[in-house]
């Protein structure tokens, strides 16, 4: 499955991967540091959604959202929490 999402600052990829690993580990998922994107397969399996590492065009938008939502949503919540913490320190 190709990754069509491009981050605005490519040099931030490593830190975003570290954030994903930390956040998803805190949520109880086993995320490997050498391939943090693999957590999507664990979530899909847990939800009974047939996700594979090649073509997934048969997935509905709802199914894709159920897989990606917990990952991205958790990362965004953590980034907001971190930003609020930084603002309080100022």
Protein backbone atom coordinates (compact mmCIF):
# COMPACT_ATOMS: atom_id res chain seq x y z
CA UNK A 1 0.00 0.00 0.00
CA UNK A 2 1.54 3.29 -1.05
CA UNK A 3 1.60 6.16 1.39
CA UNK A 4 -0.11 9.10 -0.32
CA UNK A 5 0.12 11.31 2.77
CA UNK A 6 3.09 13.65 2.60
CA UNK A 7 4.22 15.57 5.62
CA UNK A 8 4.89 19.27 5.15
CA UNK A 9 8.36 19.07 6.67
CA UNK A 10 10.04 15.87 5.44
CA UNK A 11 12.79 16.18 8.06
CA UNK A 12 10.11 15.75 10.74
CA UNK A 13 9.38 12.15 9.64
CA UNK A 14 11.66 10.60 12.26
CA UNK A 15 10.09 12.57 15.13
CA UNK A 16 6.57 11.79 13.89
CA UNK A 17 7.45 8.11 13.80
CA UNK A 18 8.77 8.34 17.38
CA UNK A 19 5.52 10.03 18.42
CA UNK A 20 3.46 7.33 16.72
CA UNK A 21 5.46 4.61 18.45
CA UNK A 22 5.10 6.22 21.89
CA UNK A 23 1.41 7.06 21.56
CA UNK A 24 0.35 3.71 20.16
CA UNK A 25 2.45 1.82 22.72
CA UNK A 26 0.64 3.79 25.43
CA UNK A 27 -2.65 2.65 23.88
CA UNK A 28 -1.54 -0.97 24.18
CA UNK A 29 -0.37 -1.68 20.64
CA UNK A 30 2.98 -3.26 19.88
CA UNK A 31 4.75 -0.88 17.52
CA UNK A 32 8.15 -1.76 16.13
CA UNK A 33 10.61 1.09 15.76
CA UNK A 34 11.84 -0.19 12.39
CA UNK A 35 8.33 0.06 10.85
CA UNK A 36 5.84 2.06 12.92
CA UNK A 37 3.26 2.03 10.11
CA UNK A 38 2.68 -1.69 10.72
CA UNK A 39 0.41 -0.79 13.65
CA UNK A 40 -2.36 -0.26 11.08
CA UNK A 41 -2.37 -4.00 10.36
CA UNK A 42 -2.80 -4.77 14.05
CA UNK A 43 -5.72 -2.35 14.29
CA UNK A 44 -7.32 -3.69 11.11
CA UNK A 45 -7.00 -7.26 12.38
CA UNK A 46 -8.53 -6.26 15.70
CA UNK A 47 -11.49 -4.70 13.86
CA UNK A 48 -11.86 -7.57 11.40
CA UNK A 49 -11.04 -5.36 8.42
CA UNK A 50 -9.13 -7.11 5.60
CA UNK A 51 -6.07 -4.87 5.16
CA UNK A 52 -3.09 -6.16 3.22
CA UNK A 53 0.26 -4.68 2.23
CA UNK A 54 -0.58 -4.37 -1.44
CA UNK A 55 -3.85 -3.15 -2.97
CA UNK A 56 -6.66 -2.11 -0.62
CA UNK A 57 -8.99 -0.41 -3.09
CA UNK A 58 -11.87 -2.60 -1.98
CA UNK A 59 -11.93 -0.99 1.47
CA UNK A 60 -14.69 1.50 2.12
CA UNK A 61 -13.92 4.98 3.41
CA UNK A 62 -15.52 3.96 6.68
CA UNK A 63 -13.20 0.97 7.04
CA UNK A 64 -10.12 3.04 6.21
CA UNK A 65 -11.20 5.65 8.75
CA UNK A 66 -11.67 3.01 11.43
CA UNK A 67 -8.07 1.94 10.86
CA UNK A 68 -6.41 5.34 10.51
CA UNK A 69 -8.60 7.26 12.93
CA UNK A 70 -7.23 5.74 16.14
CA UNK A 71 -3.67 6.29 14.97
CA UNK A 72 -3.92 9.86 13.67
CA UNK A 73 -6.46 10.89 16.29
CA UNK A 74 -4.23 9.71 19.11
CA UNK A 75 -1.24 11.49 17.62
CA UNK A 76 -3.17 14.75 17.23
CA UNK A 77 -4.48 14.58 20.80
CA UNK A 78 -0.92 14.12 22.06
CA UNK A 79 0.40 17.00 19.94
CA UNK A 80 -2.35 19.28 21.29
CA UNK A 81 -1.52 18.19 24.84
CA UNK A 82 2.17 18.92 24.22
CA UNK A 83 1.38 22.35 22.73
CA UNK A 84 -0.83 23.24 25.70
CA UNK A 85 1.92 22.19 28.07
CA UNK A 86 4.43 24.39 26.24
CA UNK A 87 2.03 27.35 26.31
CA UNK A 88 1.60 26.99 30.06
CA UNK A 89 5.38 27.14 30.53
CA UNK A 90 5.55 30.54 28.80
